[in-house]
């Protein structure tokens, strides 16, 4: 003899999430992922700033600036670009 037992509705048993909470299945994985994201964000900012600084050095030397002026422009470009990139990443929530 077989009896049919009703299966409980699992959706009715789970409480609803608050209005501002993210869905449960989109949470970040446990571990060092947040630290890895921060390290990668800083590395991207530094590499981008280094590339822009190299471009500034090449451009100023091609335009006839002295080596000291080219190094000054390189340093200013590196500081400006890296600071701006880190500021943007902080506002995006990466840092």
PDB file of N, CA and C in Angstrom:
ATOM      1  N   UNK A   1       0.812  -1.175   0.000  1.00  0.00           N
ATOM      2  CA  UNK A   1       0.000   0.000   0.000  1.00  0.00           C
ATOM      3  C   UNK A   1       0.858   1.241   0.000  1.00  0.00           C
ATOM      4  N   UNK A   2       0.631   2.135  -0.888  1.00  0.00           N
ATOM      5  CA  UNK A   2       1.424   3.360  -0.938  1.00  0.00           C
ATOM      6  C   UNK A   2       0.557   4.529  -0.503  1.00  0.00           C
ATOM      7  N   UNK A   3       1.166   5.356   0.259  1.00  0.00           N
ATOM      8  CA  UNK A   3       0.461   6.567   0.677  1.00  0.00           C
ATOM      9  C   UNK A   3       1.157   7.760   0.070  1.00  0.00           C
ATOM     10  N   UNK A   4       0.410   8.685  -0.388  1.00  0.00           N
ATOM     11  CA  UNK A   4       0.977   9.906  -0.958  1.00  0.00           C
ATOM     12  C   UNK A   4       1.106  10.939   0.146  1.00  0.00           C
ATOM     13  N   UNK A   5       2.360  11.284   0.433  1.00  0.00           N
ATOM     14  CA  UNK A   5       2.576  12.319   1.442  1.00  0.00           C
ATOM     15  C   UNK A   5       2.827  13.634   0.728  1.00  0.00           C
ATOM     16  N   UNK A   6       2.190  14.670   1.158  1.00  0.00           N
ATOM     17  CA  UNK A   6       2.393  15.970   0.499  1.00  0.00           C
ATOM     18  C   UNK A   6       3.789  16.513   0.811  1.00  0.00           C
ATOM     19  N   UNK A   7       4.410  17.121  -0.179  1.00  0.00           N
ATOM     20  CA  UNK A   7       5.723  17.737   0.026  1.00  0.00           C
ATOM     21  C   UNK A   7       5.508  19.168   0.481  1.00  0.00           C
ATOM     22  N   UNK A   8       6.255  19.585   1.468  1.00  0.00           N
ATOM     23  CA  UNK A   8       6.073  20.960   1.954  1.00  0.00           C
ATOM     24  C   UNK A   8       6.585  21.967   0.924  1.00  0.00           C
ATOM     25  N   UNK A   9       5.959  23.110   0.886  1.00  0.00           N
ATOM     26  CA  UNK A   9       6.360  24.188  -0.014  1.00  0.00           C
ATOM     27  C   UNK A   9       7.523  24.930   0.631  1.00  0.00           C
ATOM     28  N   UNK A  10       8.712  24.823   0.051  1.00  0.00           N
ATOM     29  CA  UNK A  10       9.899  25.434   0.656  1.00  0.00           C
ATOM     30  C   UNK A  10       9.888  26.948   0.526  1.00  0.00           C
ATOM     31  N   UNK A  11       9.244  27.484  -0.480  1.00  0.00           N
ATOM     32  CA  UNK A  11       9.210  28.940  -0.643  1.00  0.00           C
ATOM     33  C   UNK A  11       8.403  29.597   0.457  1.00  0.00           C
ATOM     34  N   UNK A  12       7.383  28.909   0.950  1.00  0.00           N
ATOM     35  CA  UNK A  12       6.561  29.489   2.001  1.00  0.00           C
ATOM     36  C   UNK A  12       7.262  29.440   3.343  1.00  0.00           C
ATOM     37  N   UNK A  13       8.219  28.511   3.510  1.00  0.00           N
ATOM     38  CA  UNK A  13       8.906  28.350   4.784  1.00  0.00           C
ATOM     39  C   UNK A  13      10.051  29.339   4.969  1.00  0.00           C
ATOM     40  N   UNK A  14      10.613  29.862   3.897  1.00  0.00           N
ATOM     41  CA  UNK A  14      11.758  30.765   4.011  1.00  0.00           C
ATOM     42  C   UNK A  14      11.269  32.196   4.158  1.00  0.00           C
ATOM     43  N   UNK A  15      11.878  32.946   5.074  1.00  0.00           N
ATOM     44  CA  UNK A  15      11.455  34.345   5.239  1.00  0.00           C
ATOM     45  C   UNK A  15      11.933  35.194   4.074  1.00  0.00           C
ATOM     46  N   UNK A  16      11.214  36.255   3.814  1.00  0.00           N
ATOM     47  CA  UNK A  16      11.574  37.166   2.729  1.00  0.00           C
ATOM     48  C   UNK A  16      12.758  38.023   3.158  1.00  0.00           C
ATOM     49  N   UNK A  17      13.619  38.352   2.212  1.00  0.00           N
ATOM     50  CA  UNK A  17      14.785  39.195   2.491  1.00  0.00           C
ATOM     51  C   UNK A  17      14.341  40.640   2.639  1.00  0.00           C
ATOM     52  N   UNK A  18      15.053  41.434   3.436  1.00  0.00           N
ATOM     53  CA  UNK A  18      14.727  42.858   3.538  1.00  0.00           C
ATOM     54  C   UNK A  18      14.844  43.547   2.184  1.00  0.00           C
ATOM     55  N   UNK A  19      14.229  44.706   2.078  1.00  0.00           N
ATOM     56  CA  UNK A  19      14.153  45.399   0.791  1.00  0.00           C
ATOM     57  C   UNK A  19      15.528  45.752   0.233  1.00  0.00           C
ATOM     58  N   UNK A  20      16.473  46.174   1.053  1.00  0.00           N
ATOM     59  CA  UNK A  20      17.769  46.618   0.557  1.00  0.00           C
ATOM     60  C   UNK A  20      18.831  45.540   0.515  1.00  0.00           C
ATOM     61  N   UNK A  21      18.517  44.335   0.948  1.00  0.00           N
ATOM     62  CA  UNK A  21      19.518  43.270   1.012  1.00  0.00           C
ATOM     63  C   UNK A  21      19.737  42.654  -0.362  1.00  0.00           C
ATOM     64  N   UNK A  22      21.001  42.289  -0.684  1.00  0.00           N
ATOM     65  CA  UNK A  22      21.248  41.614  -1.961  1.00  0.00           C
ATOM     66  C   UNK A  22      20.714  40.194  -1.907  1.00  0.00           C
ATOM     67  N   UNK A  23      20.438  39.595  -3.033  1.00  0.00           N
ATOM     68  CA  UNK A  23      19.989  38.196  -3.035  1.00  0.00           C
ATOM     69  C   UNK A  23      21.043  37.292  -2.420  1.00  0.00           C
ATOM     70  N   UNK A  24      20.592  36.215  -1.811  1.00  0.00           N
ATOM     71  CA  UNK A  24      21.500  35.332  -1.083  1.00  0.00           C
ATOM     72  C   UNK A  24      22.498  34.643  -1.999  1.00  0.00           C
ATOM     73  N   UNK A  25      22.144  34.384  -3.248  1.00  0.00           N
ATOM     74  CA  UNK A  25      23.036  33.642  -4.127  1.00  0.00           C
ATOM     75  C   UNK A  25      24.094  34.505  -4.789  1.00  0.00           C
ATOM     76  N   UNK A  26      24.110  35.818  -4.575  1.00  0.00           N
ATOM     77  CA  UNK A  26      25.112  36.685  -5.190  1.00  0.00           C
ATOM     78  C   UNK A  26      26.153  37.174  -4.189  1.00  0.00           C
ATOM     79  N   UNK A  27      26.228  36.581  -3.014  1.00  0.00           N
ATOM     80  CA  UNK A  27      27.204  37.007  -2.015  1.00  0.00           C
ATOM     81  C   UNK A  27      28.607  36.618  -2.475  1.00  0.00           C
ATOM     82  N   UNK A  28      29.586  37.370  -2.018  1.00  0.00           N
ATOM     83  CA  UNK A  28      30.980  37.070  -2.354  1.00  0.00           C
ATOM     84  C   UNK A  28      31.394  35.772  -1.695  1.00  0.00           C
ATOM     85  N   UNK A  29      32.243  35.016  -2.343  1.00  0.00           N
ATOM     86  CA  UNK A  29      32.702  33.778  -1.714  1.00  0.00           C
ATOM     87  C   UNK A  29      33.558  34.078  -0.496  1.00  0.00           C
ATOM     88  N   UNK A  30      33.530  33.167   0.445  1.00  0.00           N
ATOM     89  CA  UNK A  30      34.308  33.349   1.664  1.00  0.00           C
ATOM     90  C   UNK A  30      35.796  33.216   1.347  1.00  0.00           C
ATOM     91  N   UNK A  31      36.603  33.812   2.190  1.00  0.00           N
ATOM     92  CA  UNK A  31      38.043  33.693   2.007  1.00  0.00           C
ATOM     93  C   UNK A  31      38.694  35.049   1.802  1.00  0.00           C
ATOM     94  N   UNK A  32      39.714  35.062   0.956  1.00  0.00           N
ATOM     95  CA  UNK A  32      40.504  36.270   0.761  1.00  0.00           C
ATOM     96  C   UNK A  32      40.114  37.019  -0.499  1.00  0.00           C
ATOM     97  N   UNK A  33      38.905  36.869  -0.994  1.00  0.00           N
ATOM     98  CA  UNK A  33      38.557  37.491  -2.260  1.00  0.00           C
ATOM     99  C   UNK A  33      38.501  39.017  -2.150  1.00  0.00           C
ATOM    100  N   UNK A  34      38.019  39.563  -1.052  1.00  0.00           N
ATOM    101  CA  UNK A  34      37.954  41.012  -0.896  1.00  0.00           C
ATOM    102  C   UNK A  34      39.361  41.613  -0.863  1.00  0.00           C
ATOM    103  N   UNK A  35      40.276  40.922  -0.193  1.00  0.00           N
ATOM    104  CA  UNK A  35      41.664  41.395  -0.138  1.00  0.00           C
ATOM    105  C   UNK A  35      42.303  41.317  -1.519  1.00  0.00           C
ATOM    106  N   UNK A  36      42.007  40.264  -2.269  1.00  0.00           N
ATOM    107  CA  UNK A  36      42.553  40.111  -3.612  1.00  0.00           C
ATOM    108  C   UNK A  36      42.043  41.207  -4.535  1.00  0.00           C
ATOM    109  N   UNK A  37      40.772  41.554  -4.413  1.00  0.00           N
ATOM    110  CA  UNK A  37      40.198  42.628  -5.246  1.00  0.00           C
ATOM    111  C   UNK A  37      40.888  43.947  -4.946  1.00  0.00           C
ATOM    112  N   UNK A  38      41.143  44.225  -3.692  1.00  0.00           N
ATOM    113  CA  UNK A  38      41.815  45.481  -3.323  1.00  0.00           C
ATOM    114  C   UNK A  38      43.245  45.529  -3.851  1.00  0.00           C
ATOM    115  N   UNK A  39      43.957  44.417  -3.732  1.00  0.00           N
ATOM    116  CA  UNK A  39      45.336  44.377  -4.227  1.00  0.00           C
ATOM    117  C   UNK A  39      45.365  44.565  -5.738  1.00  0.00           C
ATOM    118  N   UNK A  40      44.467  43.898  -6.432  1.00  0.00           N
ATOM    119  CA  UNK A  40      44.416  44.032  -7.889  1.00  0.00           C
ATOM    120  C   UNK A  40      44.033  45.456  -8.305  1.00  0.00           C
ATOM    121  N   UNK A  41      43.140  46.093  -7.568  1.00  0.00           N
ATOM    122  CA  UNK A  41      42.745  47.459  -7.893  1.00  0.00           C
ATOM    123  C   UNK A  41      43.929  48.415  -7.751  1.00  0.00           C
ATOM    124  N   UNK A  42      44.710  48.244  -6.698  1.00  0.00           N
ATOM    125  CA  UNK A  42      45.886  49.100  -6.506  1.00  0.00           C
ATOM    126  C   UNK A  42      46.932  48.830  -7.585  1.00  0.00           C
ATOM    127  N   UNK A  43      47.139  47.563  -7.922  1.00  0.00           N
ATOM    128  CA  UNK A  43      48.110  47.231  -8.974  1.00  0.00           C
ATOM    129  C   UNK A  43      47.689  47.802 -10.328  1.00  0.00           C
ATOM    130  N   UNK A  44      46.415  47.757 -10.632  1.00  0.00           N
ATOM    131  CA  UNK A  44      45.938  48.329 -11.891  1.00  0.00           C
ATOM    132  C   UNK A  44      46.165  49.830 -11.905  1.00  0.00           C
ATOM    133  N   UNK A  45      45.905  50.499 -10.783  1.00  0.00           N
ATOM    134  CA  UNK A  45      46.122  51.947 -10.713  1.00  0.00           C
ATOM    135  C   UNK A  45      47.601  52.289 -10.904  1.00  0.00           C
ATOM    136  N   UNK A  46      48.482  51.527 -10.286  1.00  0.00           N
ATOM    137  CA  UNK A  46      49.920  51.801 -10.389  1.00  0.00           C
ATOM    138  C   UNK A  46      50.425  51.538 -11.805  1.00  0.00           C
ATOM    139  N   UNK A  47      49.988  50.437 -12.405  1.00  0.00           N
ATOM    140  CA  UNK A  47      50.436  50.141 -13.771  1.00  0.00           C
ATOM    141  C   UNK A  47      49.914  51.161 -14.769  1.00  0.00           C
ATOM    142  N   UNK A  48      48.678  51.586 -14.604  1.00  0.00           N
ATOM    143  CA  UNK A  48      48.121  52.607 -15.484  1.00  0.00           C
ATOM    144  C   UNK A  48      48.876  53.923 -15.325  1.00  0.00           C
ATOM    145  N   UNK A  49      49.190  54.281 -14.091  1.00  0.00           N
ATOM    146  CA  UNK A  49      49.936  55.511 -13.842  1.00  0.00           C
ATOM    147  C   UNK A  49      51.350  55.422 -14.416  1.00  0.00           C
ATOM    148  N   UNK A  50      51.978  54.264 -14.317  1.00  0.00           N
ATOM    149  CA  UNK A  50      53.330  54.095 -14.867  1.00  0.00           C
ATOM    150  C   UNK A  50      53.319  54.222 -16.394  1.00  0.00           C
ATOM    151  N   UNK A  51      52.301  53.671 -17.024  1.00  0.00           N
ATOM    152  CA  UNK A  51      52.200  53.787 -18.483  1.00  0.00           C
ATOM    153  C   UNK A  51      51.980  55.240 -18.900  1.00  0.00           C
ATOM    154  N   UNK A  52      51.145  55.948 -18.179  1.00  0.00           N
ATOM    155  CA  UNK A  52      50.922  57.366 -18.497  1.00  0.00           C
ATOM    156  C   UNK A  52      52.176  58.198 -18.236  1.00  0.00           C
ATOM    157  N   UNK A  53      52.902  57.858 -17.168  1.00  0.00           N
ATOM    158  CA  UNK A  53      54.143  58.579 -16.869  1.00  0.00           C
ATOM    159  C   UNK A  53      55.186  58.348 -17.950  1.00  0.00           C
ATOM    160  N   UNK A  54      55.291  57.133 -18.446  1.00  0.00           N
ATOM    161  CA  UNK A  54      56.206  56.846 -19.542  1.00  0.00           C
ATOM    162  C   UNK A  54      55.818  57.642 -20.787  1.00  0.00           C
ATOM    163  N   UNK A  55      54.539  57.701 -21.059  1.00  0.00           N
ATOM    164  CA  UNK A  55      54.063  58.503 -22.188  1.00  0.00           C
ATOM    165  C   UNK A  55      54.383  59.982 -22.020  1.00  0.00           C
ATOM    166  N   UNK A  56      54.232  60.473 -20.785  1.00  0.00           N
ATOM    167  CA  UNK A  56      54.564  61.875 -20.520  1.00  0.00           C
ATOM    168  C   UNK A  56      56.056  62.136 -20.710  1.00  0.00           C
ATOM    169  N   UNK A  57      56.899  61.198 -20.276  1.00  0.00           N
ATOM    170  CA  UNK A  57      58.342  61.362 -20.438  1.00  0.00           C
ATOM    171  C   UNK A  57      58.712  61.402 -21.924  1.00  0.00           C
ATOM    172  N   UNK A  58      58.178  60.466 -22.690  1.00  0.00           N
ATOM    173  CA  UNK A  58      58.488  60.416 -24.128  1.00  0.00           C
ATOM    174  C   UNK A  58      57.992  61.678 -24.828  1.00  0.00           C
ATOM    175  N   UNK A  59      56.789  62.110 -24.477  1.00  0.00           N
ATOM    176  CA  UNK A  59      56.218  63.300 -25.123  1.00  0.00           C
ATOM    177  C   UNK A  59      57.015  64.560 -24.797  1.00  0.00           C
ATOM    178  N   UNK A  60      57.387  64.737 -23.534  1.00  0.00           N
ATOM    179  CA  UNK A  60      58.125  65.951 -23.189  1.00  0.00           C
ATOM    180  C   UNK A  60      59.524  65.967 -23.806  1.00  0.00           C
ATOM    181  N   UNK A  61      60.152  64.792 -23.894  1.00  0.00           N
ATOM    182  CA  UNK A  61      61.469  64.752 -24.540  1.00  0.00           C
ATOM    183  C   UNK A  61      61.355  65.023 -26.038  1.00  0.00           C
ATOM    184  N   UNK A  62      60.298  64.537 -26.673  1.00  0.00           N
ATOM    185  CA  UNK A  62      60.096  64.788 -28.105  1.00  0.00           C
ATOM    186  C   UNK A  62      59.793  66.255 -28.378  1.00  0.00           C
ATOM    187  N   UNK A  63      59.186  66.918 -27.411  1.00  0.00           N
ATOM    188  CA  UNK A  63      58.873  68.335 -27.580  1.00  0.00           C
ATOM    189  C   UNK A  63      60.057  69.236 -27.239  1.00  0.00           C
ATOM    190  N   UNK A  64      61.176  68.652 -26.842  1.00  0.00           N
ATOM    191  CA  UNK A  64      62.399  69.426 -26.645  1.00  0.00           C
ATOM    192  C   UNK A  64      62.663  69.864 -25.223  1.00  0.00           C
ATOM    193  N   UNK A  65      62.008  69.284 -24.244  1.00  0.00           N
ATOM    194  CA  UNK A  65      62.246  69.661 -22.854  1.00  0.00           C
ATOM    195  C   UNK A  65      63.567  69.059 -22.374  1.00  0.00           C
ATOM    196  N   UNK A  66      64.142  69.687 -21.361  1.00  0.00           N
ATOM    197  CA  UNK A  66      65.373  69.154 -20.783  1.00  0.00           C
ATOM    198  C   UNK A  66      65.054  67.856 -20.030  1.00  0.00           C
ATOM    199  N   UNK A  67      66.082  67.045 -19.773  1.00  0.00           N
ATOM    200  CA  UNK A  67      65.827  65.793 -19.048  1.00  0.00           C
ATOM    201  C   UNK A  67      65.224  66.012 -17.659  1.00  0.00           C
ATOM    202  N   UNK A  68      65.648  67.064 -16.982  1.00  0.00           N
ATOM    203  CA  UNK A  68      65.105  67.334 -15.656  1.00  0.00           C
ATOM    204  C   UNK A  68      63.625  67.715 -15.731  1.00  0.00           C
ATOM    205  N   UNK A  69      63.269  68.511 -16.714  1.00  0.00           N
ATOM    206  CA  UNK A  69      61.861  68.879 -16.888  1.00  0.00           C
ATOM    207  C   UNK A  69      61.015  67.669 -17.270  1.00  0.00           C
ATOM    208  N   UNK A  70      61.583  66.771 -18.067  1.00  0.00           N
ATOM    209  CA  UNK A  70      60.866  65.555 -18.452  1.00  0.00           C
ATOM    210  C   UNK A  70      60.633  64.659 -17.243  1.00  0.00           C
ATOM    211  N   UNK A  71      61.632  64.556 -16.368  1.00  0.00           N
ATOM    212  CA  UNK A  71      61.463  63.756 -15.155  1.00  0.00           C
ATOM    213  C   UNK A  71      60.431  64.397 -14.235  1.00  0.00           C
ATOM    214  N   UNK A  72      60.407  65.696 -14.151  1.00  0.00           N
ATOM    215  CA  UNK A  72      59.404  66.393 -13.348  1.00  0.00           C
ATOM    216  C   UNK A  72      57.990  66.158 -13.875  1.00  0.00           C
ATOM    217  N   UNK A  73      57.847  66.219 -15.185  1.00  0.00           N
ATOM    218  CA  UNK A  73      56.540  65.957 -15.793  1.00  0.00           C
ATOM    219  C   UNK A  73      56.130  64.507 -15.572  1.00  0.00           C
ATOM    220  N   UNK A  74      57.113  63.608 -15.613  1.00  0.00           N
ATOM    221  CA  UNK A  74      56.829  62.194 -15.370  1.00  0.00           C
ATOM    222  C   UNK A  74      56.314  61.971 -13.952  1.00  0.00           C
ATOM    223  N   UNK A  75      56.989  62.564 -12.994  1.00  0.00           N
ATOM    224  CA  UNK A  75      56.565  62.418 -11.595  1.00  0.00           C
ATOM    225  C   UNK A  75      55.192  63.015 -11.344  1.00  0.00           C
ATOM    226  N   UNK A  76      54.946  64.191 -11.892  1.00  0.00           N
ATOM    227  CA  UNK A  76      53.643  64.830 -11.710  1.00  0.00           C
ATOM    228  C   UNK A  76      52.531  64.005 -12.363  1.00  0.00           C
ATOM    229  N   UNK A  77      52.816  63.456 -13.523  1.00  0.00           N
ATOM    230  CA  UNK A  77      51.826  62.621 -14.206  1.00  0.00           C
ATOM    231  C   UNK A  77      51.543  61.354 -13.412  1.00  0.00           C
ATOM    232  N   UNK A  78      52.589  60.712 -12.897  1.00  0.00           N
ATOM    233  CA  UNK A  78      52.392  59.496 -12.116  1.00  0.00           C
ATOM    234  C   UNK A  78      51.545  59.766 -10.882  1.00  0.00           C
ATOM    235  N   UNK A  79      51.870  60.836 -10.158  1.00  0.00           N
ATOM    236  CA  UNK A  79      51.106  61.153  -8.948  1.00  0.00           C
ATOM    237  C   UNK A  79      49.661  61.516  -9.267  1.00  0.00           C
ATOM    238  N   UNK A  80      49.481  62.299 -10.305  1.00  0.00           N
ATOM    239  CA  UNK A  80      48.119  62.710 -10.666  1.00  0.00           C
ATOM    240  C   UNK A  80      47.255  61.553 -11.141  1.00  0.00           C
ATOM    241  N   UNK A  81      47.801  60.714 -12.009  1.00  0.00           N
ATOM    242  CA  UNK A  81      47.019  59.604 -12.558  1.00  0.00           C
ATOM    243  C   UNK A  81      46.759  58.543 -11.501  1.00  0.00           C
ATOM    244  N   UNK A  82      47.755  58.207 -10.699  1.00  0.00           N
ATOM    245  CA  UNK A  82      47.537  57.176  -9.678  1.00  0.00           C
ATOM    246  C   UNK A  82      46.558  57.660  -8.616  1.00  0.00           C
ATOM    247  N   UNK A  83      46.664  58.902  -8.214  1.00  0.00           N
ATOM    248  CA  UNK A  83      45.715  59.455  -7.245  1.00  0.00           C
ATOM    249  C   UNK A  83      44.298  59.475  -7.770  1.00  0.00           C
ATOM    250  N   UNK A  84      44.139  59.870  -9.028  1.00  0.00           N
ATOM    251  CA  UNK A  84      42.809  59.884  -9.632  1.00  0.00           C
ATOM    252  C   UNK A  84      42.244  58.476  -9.779  1.00  0.00           C
ATOM    253  N   UNK A  85      43.068  57.538 -10.187  1.00  0.00           N
ATOM    254  CA  UNK A  85      42.600  56.156 -10.350  1.00  0.00           C
ATOM    255  C   UNK A  85      42.192  55.561  -9.001  1.00  0.00           C
ATOM    256  N   UNK A  86      42.972  55.798  -7.967  1.00  0.00           N
ATOM    257  CA  UNK A  86      42.615  55.288  -6.647  1.00  0.00           C
ATOM    258  C   UNK A  86      41.353  55.952  -6.115  1.00  0.00           C
ATOM    259  N   UNK A  87      41.178  57.232  -6.377  1.00  0.00           N
ATOM    260  CA  UNK A  87      39.964  57.938  -5.962  1.00  0.00           C
ATOM    261  C   UNK A  87      38.733  57.353  -6.646  1.00  0.00           C
ATOM    262  N   UNK A  88      38.833  57.098  -7.944  1.00  0.00           N
ATOM    263  CA  UNK A  88      37.711  56.529  -8.688  1.00  0.00           C
ATOM    264  C   UNK A  88      37.408  55.120  -8.182  1.00  0.00           C
ATOM    265  N   UNK A  89      38.444  54.318  -7.928  1.00  0.00           N
ATOM    266  CA  UNK A  89      38.220  52.968  -7.434  1.00  0.00           C
ATOM    267  C   UNK A  89      37.596  52.972  -6.048  1.00  0.00           C
ATOM    268  N   UNK A  90      37.964  53.964  -5.226  1.00  0.00           N
ATOM    269  CA  UNK A  90      37.358  54.065  -3.912  1.00  0.00           C
ATOM    270  C   UNK A  90      35.879  54.416  -4.028  1.00  0.00           C
ATOM    271  N   UNK A  91      35.545  55.317  -4.924  1.00  0.00           N
ATOM    272  CA  UNK A  91      34.146  55.697  -5.117  1.00  0.00           C
ATOM    273  C   UNK A  91      33.318  54.563  -5.708  1.00  0.00           C
ATOM    274  N   UNK A  92      33.951  53.672  -6.477  1.00  0.00           N
ATOM    275  CA  UNK A  92      33.252  52.519  -7.028  1.00  0.00           C
ATOM    276  C   UNK A  92      33.121  51.380  -6.021  1.00  0.00           C
ATOM    277  N   UNK A  93      33.757  51.522  -4.872  1.00  0.00           N
ATOM    278  CA  UNK A  93      33.656  50.509  -3.837  1.00  0.00           C
ATOM    279  C   UNK A  93      34.663  49.382  -3.953  1.00  0.00           C
ATOM    280  N   UNK A  94      35.709  49.576  -4.728  1.00  0.00           N
ATOM    281  CA  UNK A  94      36.718  48.534  -4.874  1.00  0.00           C
ATOM    282  C   UNK A  94      37.752  48.573  -3.751  1.00  0.00           C
ATOM    283  N   UNK A  95      37.914  49.710  -3.118  1.00  0.00           N
ATOM    284  CA  UNK A  95      38.907  49.839  -2.039  1.00  0.00           C
ATOM    285  C   UNK A  95      38.227  50.047  -0.705  1.00  0.00           C
TER     286      UNK A  95
END
